[in-house]
Amino acid sequence: MIMSKHILVVAAHPDDELLGIGGTVRVHVDNGDSVFALILGQGALARDNTGNEEVLKLQNAARAAAAVIGLRDIFFEVLPDNAFDTIPLLSIVKVVETYLAKIKPEIIYTHHEYDLNVDHRLAFQAVMTASRPVGADTPRFIYTFETLSSTEWQSKDQKMFQPNTYVDIGETLDKKIEALSKYTTEMRPYPHARSLEGVRILAQYRGLEVGRKHAEALRLIRGLKSII
């Protein structure tokens, strides 16, 4: 009998939890796993002429998207939007630690450590620190994903996102697109990277790399696997 896994997606902002990993999330759900998402930041207040009403709208959109993709639960924190670097890293680590203790995930998915967006970078650092291997509940696998309109906009040097793991999302891409469509204020018209068509194009490109119609690319940062 295959046991259900607990999976945690740690994202900086609402919609990040789906842009890079939505198809994979649905694969987990279809396999009977329990998938949770932790959104660390407010997601809107760094923009001009925005307030708490916009934050609530984003959270409602995230809940609607979570229902479509099949998340077991989604949690919201209120770290300052695009300003995670204005608070101590330890404060972010402690937030992540709280949810690791609560959920006890076997697998964590989070941002690429060199994304253009500073909140993404600090989310990665907080996950790695909170997941240090010091106890029985340490996550067995940590993966990073690419986030359209951040990962591909980084400097094109040796720190570029370099995937080493792929997930076939041929059966779940449409569900990912449906979920992302709930983010009416976040998605943009093509050719913006953060567009529904852009999401499909990236899935096709990553699929080409592994001989599938559609795939999501990941980078395994740390894995503990039982060989016997």
Protein backbone atom coordinates (compact mmCIF):
# COMPACT_ATOMS: atom_id res chain seq x y z
CA MET A 1 0.00 0.00 0.00
CA ILE A 2 1.36 3.41 -1.03
CA MET A 3 1.13 5.92 1.82
CA SER A 4 -0.12 9.44 1.20
CA LYS A 5 2.59 12.11 1.45
CA HIS A 6 2.41 15.55 2.99
CA ILE A 7 3.69 18.17 0.54
CA LEU A 8 4.37 21.85 1.27
CA VAL A 9 4.77 24.61 -1.31
CA VAL A 10 6.44 27.69 0.18
CA ALA A 11 5.84 30.72 -2.02
CA ALA A 12 6.57 34.40 -1.59
CA HIS A 13 3.36 35.79 -3.12
CA PRO A 14 -0.10 34.67 -4.21
CA ASP A 15 0.08 33.02 -7.67
CA ASP A 16 3.73 31.92 -7.17
CA GLU A 17 2.43 28.67 -5.69
CA LEU A 18 0.93 27.80 -9.08
CA LEU A 19 3.09 29.52 -11.70
CA GLY A 20 6.03 27.20 -11.21
CA ILE A 21 4.50 24.12 -9.66
CA GLY A 22 0.74 24.00 -10.29
CA GLY A 23 0.87 21.01 -12.62
CA THR A 24 3.05 19.06 -10.21
CA VAL A 25 0.73 19.95 -7.33
CA ARG A 26 -2.17 18.45 -9.23
CA VAL A 27 -0.16 15.30 -9.98
CA HIS A 28 0.38 14.92 -6.23
CA VAL A 29 -3.33 15.50 -5.55
CA ASP A 30 -4.33 12.93 -8.16
CA ASN A 31 -1.94 10.47 -6.51
CA GLY A 32 -3.70 10.94 -3.18
CA ASP A 33 -1.12 13.19 -1.51
CA SER A 34 -2.05 16.07 0.80
CA VAL A 35 -0.65 19.32 -0.58
CA PHE A 36 -0.46 22.55 1.44
CA ALA A 37 0.68 26.01 0.37
CA LEU A 38 2.27 28.69 2.54
CA ILE A 39 2.16 32.22 1.10
CA LEU A 40 4.68 34.33 3.00
CA GLY A 41 4.05 37.84 1.66
CA GLN A 42 1.18 40.26 1.19
CA GLY A 43 1.61 40.23 -2.57
CA ALA A 44 0.22 43.64 -3.48
CA LEU A 45 1.22 46.54 -1.26
CA ALA A 46 4.44 47.33 -3.13
CA ARG A 47 2.35 48.59 -6.04
CA ASP A 48 1.10 52.14 -6.34
CA ASN A 49 -2.40 52.95 -5.12
CA THR A 50 -3.00 49.63 -3.37
CA GLY A 51 -4.20 48.86 0.12
CA ASN A 52 -5.46 46.10 2.35
CA GLU A 53 -8.50 45.59 0.14
CA GLU A 54 -6.22 44.43 -2.67
CA VAL A 55 -4.45 42.02 -0.31
CA LEU A 56 -7.79 40.48 0.65
CA LYS A 57 -8.78 40.19 -3.00
CA LEU A 58 -5.55 38.37 -3.73
CA GLN A 59 -6.10 35.99 -0.85
CA ASN A 60 -9.62 35.25 -2.05
CA ALA A 61 -8.28 34.58 -5.54
CA ALA A 62 -5.68 32.25 -4.01
CA ARG A 63 -8.40 30.34 -2.16
CA ALA A 64 -10.42 29.98 -5.35
CA ALA A 65 -7.33 28.76 -7.21
CA ALA A 66 -6.52 26.37 -4.37
CA ALA A 67 -9.97 24.81 -4.66
CA VAL A 68 -9.45 24.23 -8.39
CA ILE A 69 -5.97 22.72 -8.09
CA GLY A 70 -6.93 20.63 -5.06
CA LEU A 71 -4.85 22.02 -2.20
CA ARG A 72 -5.76 20.58 1.18
CA ASP A 73 -5.16 24.00 2.74
CA ILE A 74 -3.52 27.33 2.01
CA PHE A 75 -1.97 29.59 4.67
CA PHE A 76 -1.26 33.32 4.49
CA GLU A 77 1.36 35.37 6.29
CA VAL A 78 1.81 39.13 5.90
CA LEU A 79 5.50 39.75 5.32
CA PRO A 80 6.09 43.08 3.51
CA ASP A 81 5.64 42.85 -0.23
CA ASN A 82 8.93 42.98 -2.17
CA ALA A 83 10.66 43.95 1.05
CA PHE A 84 11.54 40.70 2.81
CA ASP A 85 15.05 42.13 3.06
CA THR A 86 13.81 44.82 5.47
CA ILE A 87 13.19 42.26 8.23
CA PRO A 88 15.62 39.82 9.85
CA LEU A 89 15.99 36.53 8.00
CA LEU A 90 15.46 34.78 11.32
CA SER A 91 11.90 36.17 11.43
CA ILE A 92 11.11 34.52 8.10
CA VAL A 93 12.79 31.29 9.20
CA LYS A 94 10.62 31.15 12.33
CA VAL A 95 7.46 31.54 10.23
CA VAL A 96 8.50 28.63 8.00
CA GLU A 97 9.49 26.54 11.03
CA THR A 98 6.01 26.95 12.48
CA TYR A 99 4.42 25.37 9.41
CA LEU A 100 7.03 22.64 9.11
CA ALA A 101 6.20 21.60 12.67
CA LYS A 102 2.48 21.72 11.90
CA ILE A 103 2.46 19.93 8.53
CA LYS A 104 5.59 17.75 8.75
CA PRO A 105 6.04 17.66 4.97
CA GLU A 106 8.12 14.98 3.31
CA ILE A 107 8.63 17.20 0.27
CA ILE A 108 9.03 20.98 0.03
CA TYR A 109 8.85 23.01 -3.16
CA THR A 110 10.06 26.62 -3.12
CA HIS A 111 11.65 29.36 -5.20
CA HIS A 112 14.95 29.32 -7.10
CA GLU A 113 17.65 30.81 -4.89
CA TYR A 114 18.78 33.38 -7.50
CA ASP A 115 15.45 34.71 -8.77
CA LEU A 116 15.30 38.38 -9.68
CA ASN A 117 12.70 38.98 -6.98
CA VAL A 118 14.27 39.53 -3.56
CA ASP A 119 11.33 37.94 -1.73
CA HIS A 120 11.84 34.74 -3.72
CA ARG A 121 15.50 34.61 -2.79
CA LEU A 122 14.82 35.08 0.90
CA ALA A 123 11.99 32.54 0.85
CA PHE A 124 14.53 30.00 -0.42
CA GLN A 125 17.04 30.91 2.29
CA ALA A 126 14.38 30.65 4.98
CA VAL A 127 13.26 27.22 3.74
CA MET A 128 16.81 25.89 3.71
CA THR A 129 17.50 27.18 7.21
CA ALA A 130 14.20 25.95 8.63
CA SER A 131 14.74 22.55 6.99
CA ARG A 132 18.23 21.95 8.34
CA PRO A 133 18.64 18.21 9.06
CA VAL A 134 18.45 18.14 12.84
CA GLY A 135 15.44 15.93 13.58
CA ALA A 136 13.28 13.03 12.49
CA ASP A 137 10.74 15.36 10.85
CA THR A 138 13.26 16.97 8.52
CA PRO A 139 11.81 17.10 4.97
CA ARG A 140 13.23 14.29 2.86
CA PHE A 141 13.26 16.26 -0.40
CA ILE A 142 13.62 19.96 -1.21
CA TYR A 143 13.04 21.17 -4.76
CA THR A 144 13.11 24.61 -6.32
CA PHE A 145 10.89 25.70 -9.19
CA GLU A 146 10.97 28.48 -11.76
CA THR A 147 8.55 31.39 -11.47
CA LEU A 148 7.60 33.17 -14.66
CA SER A 149 8.39 36.91 -14.61
CA SER A 150 11.20 36.40 -12.10
CA THR A 151 13.35 33.35 -12.77
CA GLU A 152 13.81 34.01 -16.48
CA TRP A 153 14.51 37.69 -15.82
CA GLN A 154 17.53 36.99 -13.66
CA SER A 155 21.08 37.64 -14.85
CA LYS A 156 22.06 35.03 -17.45
CA ASP A 157 25.13 33.70 -15.70
CA GLN A 158 26.20 30.54 -13.87
CA LYS A 159 23.46 31.13 -11.29
CA MET A 160 20.68 30.56 -13.82
CA PHE A 161 17.98 28.04 -12.95
CA GLN A 162 19.32 24.65 -14.03
CA PRO A 163 16.70 21.91 -13.69
CA ASN A 164 17.69 18.33 -12.94
CA THR A 165 14.19 16.90 -12.40
CA TYR A 166 11.07 17.04 -14.55
CA VAL A 167 7.43 16.21 -13.90
CA ASP A 168 5.12 15.17 -16.74
CA ILE A 169 2.09 17.47 -16.48
CA GLY A 170 0.41 16.45 -19.71
CA GLU A 171 -2.69 15.43 -17.78
CA THR A 172 -2.74 18.36 -15.37
CA LEU A 173 -1.71 21.45 -17.35
CA ASP A 174 -5.32 22.41 -18.13
CA LYS A 175 -6.17 22.31 -14.43
CA LYS A 176 -3.15 24.54 -13.72
CA ILE A 177 -4.37 27.04 -16.33
CA GLU A 178 -7.89 26.95 -14.89
CA ALA A 179 -6.53 27.64 -11.40
CA LEU A 180 -4.29 30.50 -12.55
CA SER A 181 -7.24 32.11 -14.34
CA LYS A 182 -8.68 32.86 -10.90
CA TYR A 183 -5.87 35.39 -10.44
CA THR A 184 -7.56 38.00 -12.62
CA THR A 185 -5.41 40.86 -11.29
CA GLU A 186 -2.09 39.00 -11.59
CA MET A 187 -2.13 37.35 -15.00
CA ARG A 188 -1.21 39.51 -17.98
CA PRO A 189 -1.90 39.39 -21.72
CA TYR A 190 0.63 37.61 -23.93
CA PRO A 191 3.53 38.20 -24.64
CA HIS A 192 4.01 39.05 -20.95
CA ALA A 193 5.80 36.14 -19.27
CA ARG A 194 3.09 35.89 -16.63
CA SER A 195 0.30 35.08 -19.07
CA LEU A 196 -1.75 31.93 -19.51
CA GLU A 197 -0.25 31.46 -22.97
CA GLY A 198 3.23 31.99 -21.51
CA VAL A 199 2.57 29.25 -18.97
CA ARG A 200 1.61 26.86 -21.77
CA ILE A 201 4.67 27.77 -23.83
CA LEU A 202 7.03 27.14 -20.91
CA ALA A 203 5.34 23.78 -20.24
CA GLN A 204 5.81 22.84 -23.89
CA TYR A 205 9.46 23.88 -23.85
CA ARG A 206 10.23 21.94 -20.68
CA GLY A 207 8.38 19.00 -22.16
CA LEU A 208 10.65 19.08 -25.20
CA GLU A 209 13.65 18.67 -22.91
CA VAL A 210 12.41 15.28 -21.73
CA GLY A 211 10.34 14.01 -24.65
CA ARG A 212 6.91 14.90 -23.25
CA LYS A 213 4.20 17.23 -24.47
CA HIS A 214 4.20 19.26 -21.27
CA ALA A 215 6.41 19.26 -18.19
CA GLU A 216 7.45 21.35 -15.22
CA ALA A 217 11.13 21.71 -14.44
CA LEU A 218 12.55 21.44 -10.93
CA ARG A 219 15.91 21.44 -9.27
CA LEU A 220 16.53 18.91 -6.53
CA ILE A 221 18.42 20.72 -3.79
CA ARG A 222 18.52 17.92 -1.25
CA GLY A 223 17.11 14.41 -1.23
CA LEU A 224 17.15 11.49 1.18
CA LYS A 225 16.14 8.28 -0.53
CA SER A 226 15.91 4.75 0.83
CA ILE A 227 17.73 2.43 -1.59
CA ILE A 228 16.74 -0.81 0.12
